[in-house]
Amino acid sequence: MLDNRYPLVSVIINCYNGESFLEETIDSVLRQTYENWEIILWDNRSIDDSAGIVKKYTDKRVNYYLSSVHTPLGEARNKAVNYASGEWCAFLDCDDLWTSEKLQKQIDTINNNGNAGLIYGRMSVFSKKDKHSSSWSNRMISHKNKLTNILPEGDIFHKLLQYNFIPLLTAIFRKDLFNQVGGISEHMEIAEDYDLFVKLSRVTQACAVDQVVAHYRVHENNLSIDRLEQDFSETIEIVSRYLPLDIAKEALKFHHSVHAIHQIRDGKFLKGFYRFLLNGSLRSLISFFLKRY
């Protein structure tokens, strides 16, 4: 059983020009039924009113830190964790939300599963369609919702290499394990969550809360095809580290096949076709369309 030292959970909110949704995000933490937490708000040199919004809060559990320089997101997350005093850490980006019982459900899971160092759950996806409706946003919502149907537990390394099914905003993890695996690769900007979860899955067991614990917001600033290209590039880099393991070889074929499909859908026919021929596989293609991850 966990003791009740204060704080047990450090909630890391990385922020860069997040004034549009930041207050909603912080409020969703303040509404937690579990109260033994702190917020580490890491401001990555915002030039909007993010700092002003945070400083309005008088709750002593809300802590504001301003980075000395703007850094890639992976490095910013590591720097924020350095200030965390909790045994467990969680990342919540400044445009997403938690359900009020999110932490309580996960602490209950920890108490019942002493060997688990990574706990995650389901999420919902929402968008202000009147402002940001597009075929791309609809695909993003469909993709994110598909992730919530997959909740492996225990030793998840093999499955995680093939597909990133852990939504960052739902997860909490032990800080000592974060340090043990070296944190996040600091050059990562898009797939830094995947980088972390793959590393953690090599050294600890995972548990899942089979309920929605967080809400992922789709909006114009995270709807970029260029970001998807970078996401695939970083994902392939992460999986390649585990070569020559057979599971890594198969996972790379899967990721290249999925990348090829997205390139073809986005009109990059030749790039997608050649990527599939050189690096993909028919088996991976079938798995993708049958959603057998």
C-alpha atoms as a PDB file:
ATOM      1  CA  MET A   1       0.000   0.000   0.000  1.00  0.00           C
ATOM      2  CA  LEU A   2       1.124   3.528  -0.734  1.00  0.00           C
ATOM      3  CA  ASP A   3       1.589   5.981   2.077  1.00  0.00           C
ATOM      4  CA  ASN A   4       0.123   9.446   1.999  1.00  0.00           C
ATOM      5  CA  ARG A   5       3.247  11.587   1.795  1.00  0.00           C
ATOM      6  CA  TYR A   6       2.711  14.961   0.162  1.00  0.00           C
ATOM      7  CA  PRO A   7       2.717  15.112  -2.766  1.00  0.00           C
ATOM      8  CA  LEU A   8       2.452  11.602  -4.142  1.00  0.00           C
ATOM      9  CA  VAL A   9       1.780  12.628  -7.755  1.00  0.00           C
ATOM     10  CA  SER A  10       3.518  15.393  -9.693  1.00  0.00           C
ATOM     11  CA  VAL A  11       1.392  16.627 -12.585  1.00  0.00           C
ATOM     12  CA  ILE A  12       3.654  17.993 -15.311  1.00  0.00           C
ATOM     13  CA  ILE A  13       2.001  20.604 -17.530  1.00  0.00           C
ATOM     14  CA  ASN A  14       4.307  21.640 -20.359  1.00  0.00           C
ATOM     15  CA  CYS A  15       3.187  24.923 -21.848  1.00  0.00           C
ATOM     16  CA  TYR A  16       4.170  27.016 -24.838  1.00  0.00           C
ATOM     17  CA  ASN A  17       1.723  29.782 -25.791  1.00  0.00           C
ATOM     18  CA  GLY A  18      -1.131  27.846 -24.225  1.00  0.00           C
ATOM     19  CA  GLU A  19      -3.354  30.692 -23.060  1.00  0.00           C
ATOM     20  CA  SER A  20      -6.370  29.503 -25.086  1.00  0.00           C
ATOM     21  CA  PHE A  21      -7.026  26.377 -23.007  1.00  0.00           C
ATOM     22  CA  LEU A  22      -4.602  26.530 -20.068  1.00  0.00           C
ATOM     23  CA  GLU A  23      -7.136  27.560 -17.446  1.00  0.00           C
ATOM     24  CA  GLU A  24      -9.450  24.672 -18.364  1.00  0.00           C
ATOM     25  CA  THR A  25      -6.527  22.265 -18.086  1.00  0.00           C
ATOM     26  CA  ILE A  26      -5.416  23.478 -14.656  1.00  0.00           C
ATOM     27  CA  ASP A  27      -8.999  23.489 -13.399  1.00  0.00           C
ATOM     28  CA  SER A  28      -9.393  19.853 -14.396  1.00  0.00           C
ATOM     29  CA  VAL A  29      -6.527  19.000 -12.028  1.00  0.00           C
ATOM     30  CA  LEU A  30      -7.933  21.160  -9.247  1.00  0.00           C
ATOM     31  CA  ARG A  31     -11.193  19.204  -9.516  1.00  0.00           C
ATOM     32  CA  GLN A  32      -9.496  15.869  -8.783  1.00  0.00           C
ATOM     33  CA  THR A  33     -11.166  13.885  -6.030  1.00  0.00           C
ATOM     34  CA  TYR A  34      -7.674  12.671  -5.116  1.00  0.00           C
ATOM     35  CA  GLU A  35      -5.861  15.659  -3.627  1.00  0.00           C
ATOM     36  CA  ASN A  36      -2.320  14.483  -2.854  1.00  0.00           C
ATOM     37  CA  TRP A  37      -0.685  16.060  -5.908  1.00  0.00           C
ATOM     38  CA  GLU A  38       1.299  19.050  -7.140  1.00  0.00           C
ATOM     39  CA  ILE A  39       1.386  20.825 -10.499  1.00  0.00           C
ATOM     40  CA  ILE A  40       4.711  21.580 -12.172  1.00  0.00           C
ATOM     41  CA  LEU A  41       3.838  24.139 -14.852  1.00  0.00           C
ATOM     42  CA  TRP A  42       6.832  24.335 -17.178  1.00  0.00           C
ATOM     43  CA  ASP A  43       6.647  27.424 -19.399  1.00  0.00           C
ATOM     44  CA  ASN A  44       8.803  26.891 -22.501  1.00  0.00           C
ATOM     45  CA  ARG A  45       9.286  30.655 -23.048  1.00  0.00           C
ATOM     46  CA  SER A  46       5.695  31.524 -23.976  1.00  0.00           C
ATOM     47  CA  ILE A  47       5.084  34.955 -25.481  1.00  0.00           C
ATOM     48  CA  ASP A  48       1.362  35.032 -24.717  1.00  0.00           C
ATOM     49  CA  ASP A  49      -0.379  35.406 -21.347  1.00  0.00           C
ATOM     50  CA  SER A  50       0.233  31.838 -20.148  1.00  0.00           C
ATOM     51  CA  ALA A  51       2.303  33.053 -17.183  1.00  0.00           C
ATOM     52  CA  GLY A  52      -0.406  35.501 -16.142  1.00  0.00           C
ATOM     53  CA  ILE A  53      -3.034  32.777 -16.183  1.00  0.00           C
ATOM     54  CA  VAL A  54      -0.986  30.453 -13.958  1.00  0.00           C
ATOM     55  CA  LYS A  55      -0.046  33.168 -11.497  1.00  0.00           C
ATOM     56  CA  LYS A  56      -3.716  33.906 -10.789  1.00  0.00           C
ATOM     57  CA  TYR A  57      -3.957  30.596  -8.929  1.00  0.00           C
ATOM     58  CA  THR A  58      -3.427  30.825  -5.171  1.00  0.00           C
ATOM     59  CA  ASP A  59      -3.398  27.069  -4.519  1.00  0.00           C
ATOM     60  CA  LYS A  60       0.097  26.303  -3.196  1.00  0.00           C
ATOM     61  CA  ARG A  61       0.119  23.031  -5.110  1.00  0.00           C
ATOM     62  CA  VAL A  62       0.389  24.989  -8.393  1.00  0.00           C
ATOM     63  CA  ASN A  63       4.055  25.696  -9.130  1.00  0.00           C
ATOM     64  CA  TYR A  64       5.261  27.825 -12.070  1.00  0.00           C
ATOM     65  CA  TYR A  65       8.691  27.492 -13.708  1.00  0.00           C
ATOM     66  CA  LEU A  66       9.977  29.513 -16.661  1.00  0.00           C
ATOM     67  CA  SER A  67      12.554  27.843 -18.897  1.00  0.00           C
ATOM     68  CA  SER A  68      15.718  29.838 -19.499  1.00  0.00           C
ATOM     69  CA  VAL A  69      15.515  29.027 -23.226  1.00  0.00           C
ATOM     70  CA  HIS A  70      12.985  27.461 -25.575  1.00  0.00           C
ATOM     71  CA  THR A  71      13.762  23.769 -26.057  1.00  0.00           C
ATOM     72  CA  PRO A  72      12.393  20.740 -27.964  1.00  0.00           C
ATOM     73  CA  LEU A  73       9.437  19.192 -26.169  1.00  0.00           C
ATOM     74  CA  GLY A  74      11.347  16.091 -25.074  1.00  0.00           C
ATOM     75  CA  GLU A  75      13.963  18.210 -23.333  1.00  0.00           C
ATOM     76  CA  ALA A  76      11.276  20.448 -21.816  1.00  0.00           C
ATOM     77  CA  ARG A  77       9.502  17.443 -20.315  1.00  0.00           C
ATOM     78  CA  ASN A  78      12.760  16.191 -18.782  1.00  0.00           C
ATOM     79  CA  LYS A  79      13.532  19.577 -17.260  1.00  0.00           C
ATOM     80  CA  ALA A  80      10.072  19.753 -15.716  1.00  0.00           C
ATOM     81  CA  VAL A  81      10.386  16.281 -14.180  1.00  0.00           C
ATOM     82  CA  ASN A  82      13.593  17.418 -12.465  1.00  0.00           C
ATOM     83  CA  TYR A  83      11.441  19.713 -10.311  1.00  0.00           C
ATOM     84  CA  ALA A  84       8.886  17.022  -9.449  1.00  0.00           C
ATOM     85  CA  SER A  85       8.834  15.825  -5.850  1.00  0.00           C
ATOM     86  CA  GLY A  86       6.204  13.114  -6.239  1.00  0.00           C
ATOM     87  CA  GLU A  87       6.885   9.374  -6.367  1.00  0.00           C
ATOM     88  CA  TRP A  88       4.671   9.276  -9.451  1.00  0.00           C
ATOM     89  CA  CYS A  89       4.532  11.663 -12.396  1.00  0.00           C
ATOM     90  CA  ALA A  90       1.924  12.396 -15.039  1.00  0.00           C
ATOM     91  CA  PHE A  91       2.013  14.584 -18.138  1.00  0.00           C
ATOM     92  CA  LEU A  92      -0.984  16.726 -19.010  1.00  0.00           C
ATOM     93  CA  ASP A  93      -0.568  19.100 -21.932  1.00  0.00           C
ATOM     94  CA  CYS A  94      -2.007  22.583 -21.702  1.00  0.00           C
ATOM     95  CA  ASP A  95      -4.928  21.921 -24.066  1.00  0.00           C
ATOM     96  CA  ASP A  96      -6.171  18.601 -22.651  1.00  0.00           C
ATOM     97  CA  LEU A  97      -8.404  17.701 -19.695  1.00  0.00           C
ATOM     98  CA  TRP A  98      -8.698  15.089 -16.963  1.00  0.00           C
ATOM     99  CA  THR A  99     -11.870  13.582 -15.560  1.00  0.00           C
ATOM    100  CA  SER A 100     -12.360  14.419 -11.879  1.00  0.00           C
ATOM    101  CA  GLU A 101     -11.684  10.840 -10.682  1.00  0.00           C
ATOM    102  CA  LYS A 102      -8.703  10.192 -12.932  1.00  0.00           C
ATOM    103  CA  LEU A 103      -5.994  10.139 -10.273  1.00  0.00           C
ATOM    104  CA  GLN A 104      -8.120   8.345  -7.676  1.00  0.00           C
ATOM    105  CA  LYS A 105      -8.836   5.484 -10.063  1.00  0.00           C
ATOM    106  CA  GLN A 106      -5.157   5.154 -10.886  1.00  0.00           C
ATOM    107  CA  ILE A 107      -4.020   5.326  -7.276  1.00  0.00           C
ATOM    108  CA  ASP A 108      -6.528   2.561  -6.480  1.00  0.00           C
ATOM    109  CA  THR A 109      -5.014   0.528  -9.322  1.00  0.00           C
ATOM    110  CA  ILE A 110      -1.508   1.109  -7.945  1.00  0.00           C
ATOM    111  CA  ASN A 111      -2.566  -0.037  -4.490  1.00  0.00           C
ATOM    112  CA  ASN A 112      -3.911  -3.266  -5.984  1.00  0.00           C
ATOM    113  CA  ASN A 113      -0.960  -3.898  -8.337  1.00  0.00           C
ATOM    114  CA  GLY A 114       2.298  -3.273  -6.518  1.00  0.00           C
ATOM    115  CA  ASN A 115       4.516  -4.421  -9.405  1.00  0.00           C
ATOM    116  CA  ALA A 116       3.178  -1.951 -11.956  1.00  0.00           C
ATOM    117  CA  GLY A 117       5.227   1.165 -12.660  1.00  0.00           C
ATOM    118  CA  LEU A 118       3.049   2.452 -15.496  1.00  0.00           C
ATOM    119  CA  ILE A 119      -0.709   2.991 -15.313  1.00  0.00           C
ATOM    120  CA  TYR A 120      -2.821   4.299 -18.193  1.00  0.00           C
ATOM    121  CA  GLY A 121      -6.457   4.377 -19.277  1.00  0.00           C
ATOM    122  CA  ARG A 122      -8.992   5.299 -21.883  1.00  0.00           C
ATOM    123  CA  MET A 123      -9.510   8.769 -23.307  1.00  0.00           C
ATOM    124  CA  SER A 124     -12.187  10.550 -25.291  1.00  0.00           C
ATOM    125  CA  VAL A 125     -11.473  12.913 -28.169  1.00  0.00           C
ATOM    126  CA  PHE A 126     -13.256  16.160 -28.830  1.00  0.00           C
ATOM    127  CA  SER A 127     -13.029  19.056 -31.283  1.00  0.00           C
ATOM    128  CA  LYS A 128     -14.795  22.361 -31.870  1.00  0.00           C
ATOM    129  CA  LYS A 129     -15.936  21.271 -35.300  1.00  0.00           C
ATOM    130  CA  ASP A 130     -17.480  24.597 -36.096  1.00  0.00           C
ATOM    131  CA  LYS A 131     -13.980  26.098 -36.012  1.00  0.00           C
ATOM    132  CA  HIS A 132     -11.613  23.347 -37.070  1.00  0.00           C
ATOM    133  CA  SER A 133     -13.655  20.831 -39.038  1.00  0.00           C
ATOM    134  CA  SER A 134     -11.736  19.113 -41.822  1.00  0.00           C
ATOM    135  CA  SER A 135     -11.152  15.662 -43.239  1.00  0.00           C
ATOM    136  CA  TRP A 136      -7.763  15.721 -41.492  1.00  0.00           C
ATOM    137  CA  SER A 137      -9.285  16.502 -38.083  1.00  0.00           C
ATOM    138  CA  ASN A 138     -11.893  13.772 -38.583  1.00  0.00           C
ATOM    139  CA  ARG A 139      -9.116  11.283 -39.366  1.00  0.00           C
ATOM    140  CA  MET A 140      -7.180  12.400 -36.294  1.00  0.00           C
ATOM    141  CA  ILE A 141     -10.222  11.919 -34.081  1.00  0.00           C
ATOM    142  CA  SER A 142     -10.870   8.486 -35.588  1.00  0.00           C
ATOM    143  CA  HIS A 143      -7.219   7.517 -35.068  1.00  0.00           C
ATOM    144  CA  LYS A 144      -7.152   8.669 -31.446  1.00  0.00           C
ATOM    145  CA  ASN A 145     -10.445   6.969 -30.663  1.00  0.00           C
ATOM    146  CA  LYS A 146      -9.132   3.739 -32.160  1.00  0.00           C
ATOM    147  CA  LEU A 147      -6.277   3.803 -29.643  1.00  0.00           C
ATOM    148  CA  THR A 148      -8.716   3.722 -26.753  1.00  0.00           C
ATOM    149  CA  ASN A 149      -9.939   0.269 -27.780  1.00  0.00           C
ATOM    150  CA  ILE A 150      -6.562  -1.303 -26.981  1.00  0.00           C
ATOM    151  CA  LEU A 151      -5.650  -1.816 -23.324  1.00  0.00           C
ATOM    152  CA  PRO A 152      -2.884  -4.437 -22.960  1.00  0.00           C
ATOM    153  CA  GLU A 153      -1.502  -5.022 -19.473  1.00  0.00           C
ATOM    154  CA  GLY A 154       1.502  -6.703 -17.900  1.00  0.00           C
ATOM    155  CA  ASP A 155       4.542  -7.062 -20.151  1.00  0.00           C
ATOM    156  CA  ILE A 156       3.486  -4.792 -23.033  1.00  0.00           C
ATOM    157  CA  PHE A 157       6.865  -4.165 -24.697  1.00  0.00           C
ATOM    158  CA  HIS A 158       6.250  -6.408 -27.719  1.00  0.00           C
ATOM    159  CA  LYS A 159       2.850  -4.893 -28.477  1.00  0.00           C
ATOM    160  CA  LEU A 160       3.994  -1.349 -27.802  1.00  0.00           C
ATOM    161  CA  LEU A 161       6.829  -1.655 -30.309  1.00  0.00           C
ATOM    162  CA  GLN A 162       4.264  -2.248 -33.004  1.00  0.00           C
ATOM    163  CA  TYR A 163       1.725   0.362 -31.988  1.00  0.00           C
ATOM    164  CA  ASN A 164       1.624   3.254 -29.526  1.00  0.00           C
ATOM    165  CA  PHE A 165      -1.650   2.555 -27.746  1.00  0.00           C
ATOM    166  CA  ILE A 166      -0.932   4.578 -24.571  1.00  0.00           C
ATOM    167  CA  PRO A 167      -2.396   8.102 -24.657  1.00  0.00           C
ATOM    168  CA  LEU A 168       0.092  10.351 -22.876  1.00  0.00           C
ATOM    169  CA  LEU A 169      -2.577  12.334 -21.033  1.00  0.00           C
ATOM    170  CA  THR A 170      -3.927   9.167 -19.382  1.00  0.00           C
ATOM    171  CA  ALA A 171      -0.657   7.782 -18.027  1.00  0.00           C
ATOM    172  CA  ILE A 172       1.135   8.007 -14.699  1.00  0.00           C
ATOM    173  CA  PHE A 173       4.539   6.428 -14.069  1.00  0.00           C
ATOM    174  CA  ARG A 174       7.075   6.060 -11.277  1.00  0.00           C
ATOM    175  CA  LYS A 175       9.638   8.862 -11.252  1.00  0.00           C
ATOM    176  CA  ASP A 176      12.475   6.546 -10.261  1.00  0.00           C
ATOM    177  CA  LEU A 177      11.808   4.431 -13.365  1.00  0.00           C
ATOM    178  CA  PHE A 178      11.752   7.585 -15.501  1.00  0.00           C
ATOM    179  CA  ASN A 179      15.233   8.394 -14.212  1.00  0.00           C
ATOM    180  CA  GLN A 180      16.372   4.781 -14.551  1.00  0.00           C
ATOM    181  CA  VAL A 181      15.640   4.720 -18.296  1.00  0.00           C
ATOM    182  CA  GLY A 182      17.251   8.122 -18.837  1.00  0.00           C
ATOM    183  CA  GLY A 183      14.038  10.066 -19.297  1.00  0.00           C
ATOM    184  CA  ILE A 184      12.968  11.157 -22.760  1.00  0.00           C
ATOM    185  CA  SER A 185      15.394  11.480 -25.664  1.00  0.00           C
ATOM    186  CA  GLU A 186      15.785  15.233 -25.638  1.00  0.00           C
ATOM    187  CA  HIS A 187      15.685  15.842 -29.399  1.00  0.00           C
ATOM    188  CA  MET A 188      12.215  14.298 -29.641  1.00  0.00           C
ATOM    189  CA  GLU A 189       9.463  16.788 -30.481  1.00  0.00           C
ATOM    190  CA  ILE A 190       6.459  14.689 -31.534  1.00  0.00           C
ATOM    191  CA  ALA A 191       6.922  11.062 -30.445  1.00  0.00           C
ATOM    192  CA  GLU A 192       8.509  11.839 -27.068  1.00  0.00           C
ATOM    193  CA  ASP A 193       5.664  10.022 -25.299  1.00  0.00           C
ATOM    194  CA  TYR A 194       6.225   6.888 -27.366  1.00  0.00           C
ATOM    195  CA  ASP A 195       9.959   7.115 -26.671  1.00  0.00           C
ATOM    196  CA  LEU A 196       9.252   7.130 -22.930  1.00  0.00           C
ATOM    197  CA  PHE A 197       6.631   4.386 -22.863  1.00  0.00           C
ATOM    198  CA  VAL A 198       8.737   1.969 -24.916  1.00  0.00           C
ATOM    199  CA  LYS A 199      11.642   2.511 -22.511  1.00  0.00           C
ATOM    200  CA  LEU A 200       9.434   2.066 -19.450  1.00  0.00           C
ATOM    201  CA  SER A 201       7.811  -1.072 -20.849  1.00  0.00           C
ATOM    202  CA  ARG A 202      11.242  -2.747 -20.874  1.00  0.00           C
ATOM    203  CA  VAL A 203      11.682  -2.342 -17.123  1.00  0.00           C
ATOM    204  CA  THR A 204       8.209  -2.497 -15.586  1.00  0.00           C
ATOM    205  CA  GLN A 205       4.726  -3.953 -15.799  1.00  0.00           C
ATOM    206  CA  ALA A 206       1.744  -1.887 -16.957  1.00  0.00           C
ATOM    207  CA  CYS A 207      -1.849  -1.724 -15.760  1.00  0.00           C
ATOM    208  CA  ALA A 208      -4.854  -0.107 -17.413  1.00  0.00           C
ATOM    209  CA  VAL A 209      -7.970   1.610 -16.090  1.00  0.00           C
ATOM    210  CA  ASP A 210     -10.801   0.424 -18.314  1.00  0.00           C
ATOM    211  CA  GLN A 211     -12.591   3.769 -18.157  1.00  0.00           C
ATOM    212  CA  VAL A 212     -12.228   7.194 -19.760  1.00  0.00           C
ATOM    213  CA  VAL A 213      -9.877   9.203 -17.540  1.00  0.00           C
ATOM    214  CA  ALA A 214      -8.949  12.067 -19.870  1.00  0.00           C
ATOM    215  CA  HIS A 215     -10.133  14.139 -22.823  1.00  0.00           C
ATOM    216  CA  TYR A 216      -7.857  14.861 -25.784  1.00  0.00           C
ATOM    217  CA  ARG A 217      -8.566  18.118 -27.589  1.00  0.00           C
ATOM    218  CA  VAL A 218      -8.105  18.237 -31.379  1.00  0.00           C
ATOM    219  CA  HIS A 219      -7.570  21.779 -32.670  1.00  0.00           C
ATOM    220  CA  GLU A 220      -5.805  23.702 -35.408  1.00  0.00           C
ATOM    221  CA  ASN A 221      -2.395  23.699 -33.729  1.00  0.00           C
ATOM    222  CA  ASN A 222      -2.127  19.911 -33.609  1.00  0.00           C
ATOM    223  CA  LEU A 223      -3.575  19.190 -37.034  1.00  0.00           C
ATOM    224  CA  SER A 224      -0.478  19.304 -39.231  1.00  0.00           C
ATOM    225  CA  ILE A 225       0.467  16.766 -41.877  1.00  0.00           C
ATOM    226  CA  ASP A 226       4.088  17.869 -41.443  1.00  0.00           C
ATOM    227  CA  ARG A 227       3.843  16.867 -37.780  1.00  0.00           C
ATOM    228  CA  LEU A 228       2.598  13.444 -38.835  1.00  0.00           C
ATOM    229  CA  GLU A 229       5.636  13.007 -41.085  1.00  0.00           C
ATOM    230  CA  GLN A 230       7.922  13.882 -38.182  1.00  0.00           C
ATOM    231  CA  ASP A 231       5.953  11.567 -35.901  1.00  0.00           C
ATOM    232  CA  PHE A 232       6.584   8.636 -38.243  1.00  0.00           C
ATOM    233  CA  SER A 233      10.262   9.560 -38.550  1.00  0.00           C
ATOM    234  CA  GLU A 234      10.741   9.654 -34.776  1.00  0.00           C
ATOM    235  CA  THR A 235       8.713   6.469 -34.297  1.00  0.00           C
ATOM    236  CA  ILE A 236      10.894   4.589 -36.771  1.00  0.00           C
ATOM    237  CA  GLU A 237      13.997   5.880 -34.968  1.00  0.00           C
ATOM    238  CA  ILE A 238      12.642   4.621 -31.631  1.00  0.00           C
ATOM    239  CA  VAL A 239      11.794   1.133 -32.896  1.00  0.00           C
ATOM    240  CA  SER A 240      15.102   0.840 -34.782  1.00  0.00           C
ATOM    241  CA  ARG A 241      16.987   0.973 -31.481  1.00  0.00           C
ATOM    242  CA  TYR A 242      15.823  -2.556 -30.735  1.00  0.00           C
ATOM    243  CA  LEU A 243      17.209  -4.150 -33.875  1.00  0.00           C
ATOM    244  CA  PRO A 244      18.163  -6.884 -34.590  1.00  0.00           C
ATOM    245  CA  LEU A 245      15.320  -8.274 -32.454  1.00  0.00           C
ATOM    246  CA  ASP A 246      12.761  -9.998 -34.664  1.00  0.00           C
ATOM    247  CA  ILE A 247       9.934  -8.107 -32.966  1.00  0.00           C
ATOM    248  CA  ALA A 248      11.628  -4.830 -33.896  1.00  0.00           C
ATOM    249  CA  LYS A 249      11.992  -5.952 -37.526  1.00  0.00           C
ATOM    250  CA  GLU A 250       8.295  -6.781 -37.722  1.00  0.00           C
ATOM    251  CA  ALA A 251       7.329  -3.560 -35.964  1.00  0.00           C
ATOM    252  CA  LEU A 252       9.360  -1.505 -38.442  1.00  0.00           C
ATOM    253  CA  LYS A 253       7.539  -3.158 -41.351  1.00  0.00           C
ATOM    254  CA  PHE A 254       4.250  -2.258 -39.712  1.00  0.00           C
ATOM    255  CA  HIS A 255       5.200   1.394 -39.123  1.00  0.00           C
ATOM    256  CA  HIS A 256       6.543   1.788 -42.655  1.00  0.00           C
ATOM    257  CA  SER A 257       3.373   0.235 -44.075  1.00  0.00           C
ATOM    258  CA  VAL A 258       1.144   2.597 -42.077  1.00  0.00           C
ATOM    259  CA  HIS A 259       3.327   5.543 -43.076  1.00  0.00           C
ATOM    260  CA  ALA A 260       2.999   4.524 -46.727  1.00  0.00           C
ATOM    261  CA  ILE A 261      -0.797   4.388 -46.425  1.00  0.00           C
ATOM    262  CA  HIS A 262      -0.906   7.909 -44.979  1.00  0.00           C
ATOM    263  CA  GLN A 263       1.400   9.234 -47.694  1.00  0.00           C
ATOM    264  CA  ILE A 264      -0.798   7.743 -50.411  1.00  0.00           C
ATOM    265  CA  ARG A 265      -3.943   9.163 -48.769  1.00  0.00           C
ATOM    266  CA  ASP A 266      -2.303  12.598 -48.669  1.00  0.00           C
ATOM    267  CA  GLY A 267      -1.505  12.489 -52.403  1.00  0.00           C
ATOM    268  CA  LYS A 268       2.144  11.465 -52.114  1.00  0.00           C
ATOM    269  CA  PHE A 269       1.568   8.405 -54.263  1.00  0.00           C
ATOM    270  CA  LEU A 270       5.120   7.663 -55.416  1.00  0.00           C
ATOM    271  CA  LYS A 271       6.661   8.199 -51.978  1.00  0.00           C
ATOM    272  CA  GLY A 272       4.058   5.980 -50.367  1.00  0.00           C
ATOM    273  CA  PHE A 273       4.330   3.276 -53.035  1.00  0.00           C
ATOM    274  CA  TYR A 274       8.110   3.080 -52.850  1.00  0.00           C
ATOM    275  CA  ARG A 275       8.114   3.152 -49.047  1.00  0.00           C
ATOM    276  CA  PHE A 276       5.759   0.177 -48.990  1.00  0.00           C
ATOM    277  CA  LEU A 277       7.774  -1.787 -51.579  1.00  0.00           C
ATOM    278  CA  LEU A 278      11.113  -1.170 -49.858  1.00  0.00           C
ATOM    279  CA  ASN A 279      10.156  -1.343 -46.195  1.00  0.00           C
ATOM    280  CA  GLY A 280       6.570  -2.524 -45.723  1.00  0.00           C
ATOM    281  CA  SER A 281       4.846  -5.892 -45.869  1.00  0.00           C
ATOM    282  CA  LEU A 282       1.511  -7.311 -46.941  1.00  0.00           C
ATOM    283  CA  ARG A 283       1.031  -8.831 -43.487  1.00  0.00           C
ATOM    284  CA  SER A 284       1.397  -5.403 -41.884  1.00  0.00           C
ATOM    285  CA  LEU A 285      -1.022  -3.919 -44.366  1.00  0.00           C
ATOM    286  CA  ILE A 286      -3.649  -6.552 -43.560  1.00  0.00           C
ATOM    287  CA  SER A 287      -3.115  -5.991 -39.813  1.00  0.00           C
ATOM    288  CA  PHE A 288      -3.650  -2.282 -40.255  1.00  0.00           C
ATOM    289  CA  PHE A 289      -6.935  -2.608 -42.120  1.00  0.00           C
ATOM    290  CA  LEU A 290      -8.213  -5.360 -39.840  1.00  0.00           C
ATOM    291  CA  LYS A 291      -7.142  -3.257 -36.816  1.00  0.00           C
ATOM    292  CA  ARG A 292      -5.317  -6.256 -35.335  1.00  0.00           C
ATOM    293  CA  TYR A 293      -2.582  -4.567 -33.389  1.00  0.00           C
END
